[in-house]
Amino acid sequence: MNITLNGNSRAVGAKATVTTLVSQVTGRALASNGHAADGQRLGVAIARNSELVPRSHWHSTALAEGDEIELLTAIQGG
């Protein structure tokens, strides 16, 4: 299945969820609550088709053909 991630086309598995995608992009394992399994901060927010997906819903939010996903990362700076 194909989605758009931050403006770029990306293929994902047929049963992919937001959790699956975030784990693939960040290279980190995630718990079902959306937090990093290693206990460290993840610093990521997700919008699916212009709507924020709460971290608590990442595991249950299935991706669909043509979804437009924005993955935002927090950065420090001034």
Protein backbone atom coordinates (compact mmCIF):
# COMPACT_ATOMS: atom_id res chain seq x y z
CA MET A 1 0.00 0.00 0.00
CA ASN A 2 1.22 3.52 -0.72
CA ILE A 3 1.03 6.57 1.54
CA THR A 4 2.61 10.00 1.48
CA LEU A 5 5.03 10.68 4.34
CA ASN A 6 6.17 14.28 4.72
CA GLY A 7 5.46 14.89 1.03
CA ASN A 8 7.23 11.76 -0.25
CA SER A 9 5.65 8.55 -1.53
CA ARG A 10 6.30 5.54 0.71
CA ALA A 11 5.21 1.91 0.54
CA VAL A 12 4.01 0.29 3.77
CA GLY A 13 2.62 -3.12 4.64
CA ALA A 14 -1.08 -3.85 4.17
CA LYS A 15 -1.74 -3.92 7.94
CA ALA A 16 0.55 -1.03 8.89
CA THR A 17 -0.43 1.24 11.77
CA VAL A 18 0.92 4.59 12.88
CA THR A 19 3.03 2.70 15.44
CA THR A 20 4.51 0.53 12.68
CA LEU A 21 5.40 3.58 10.61
CA VAL A 22 6.93 5.56 13.48
CA SER A 23 9.00 2.54 14.51
CA GLN A 24 10.29 2.09 10.95
CA VAL A 25 11.14 5.77 10.51
CA THR A 26 12.80 6.25 13.90
CA GLY A 27 14.40 2.81 14.12
CA ARG A 28 13.06 2.41 17.66
CA ALA A 29 10.72 -0.15 19.18
CA LEU A 30 7.48 1.32 20.52
CA ALA A 31 5.17 0.12 23.26
CA SER A 32 1.43 -0.12 22.55
CA ASN A 33 0.95 3.28 24.25
CA GLY A 34 3.17 4.94 21.61
CA HIS A 35 6.09 5.60 23.91
CA ALA A 36 9.58 4.34 23.13
CA ALA A 37 10.14 0.87 24.58
CA ASP A 38 13.56 1.97 25.87
CA GLY A 39 11.91 4.59 28.12
CA GLN A 40 13.65 7.50 26.40
CA ARG A 41 11.76 10.44 24.92
CA LEU A 42 10.60 9.99 21.37
CA GLY A 43 9.86 13.62 20.45
CA VAL A 44 7.50 12.77 17.59
CA ALA A 45 3.99 13.92 16.65
CA ILE A 46 1.85 12.49 13.84
CA ALA A 47 -0.86 14.02 11.68
CA ARG A 48 -2.89 11.75 9.41
CA ASN A 49 -4.82 13.50 6.66
CA SER A 50 -4.32 16.83 8.47
CA GLU A 51 -5.63 15.53 11.82
CA LEU A 52 -3.43 15.00 14.85
CA VAL A 53 -3.31 11.36 15.97
CA PRO A 54 -2.96 11.15 19.76
CA ARG A 55 -0.04 8.95 20.81
CA SER A 56 -2.47 6.72 22.74
CA HIS A 57 -4.21 5.90 19.41
CA TRP A 58 -1.12 5.16 17.30
CA HIS A 59 -1.37 1.41 17.89
CA SER A 60 -5.02 1.25 16.79
CA THR A 61 -4.81 3.71 13.88
CA ALA A 62 -4.47 1.69 10.68
CA LEU A 63 -2.96 3.36 7.66
CA ALA A 64 -4.95 3.33 4.42
CA GLU A 65 -4.03 3.65 0.77
CA GLY A 66 -3.39 7.29 -0.08
CA ASP A 67 -3.09 8.55 3.51
CA GLU A 68 -1.09 11.74 3.89
CA ILE A 69 1.09 11.50 6.98
CA GLU A 70 3.14 14.28 8.52
CA LEU A 71 5.74 13.11 11.03
CA LEU A 72 7.06 16.00 13.08
CA THR A 73 10.07 15.79 15.35
CA ALA A 74 10.83 18.10 18.24
CA ILE A 75 14.20 19.81 18.21
CA GLN A 76 15.92 22.00 20.74
CA GLY A 77 17.29 25.34 19.86
CA GLY A 78 16.75 29.02 20.10
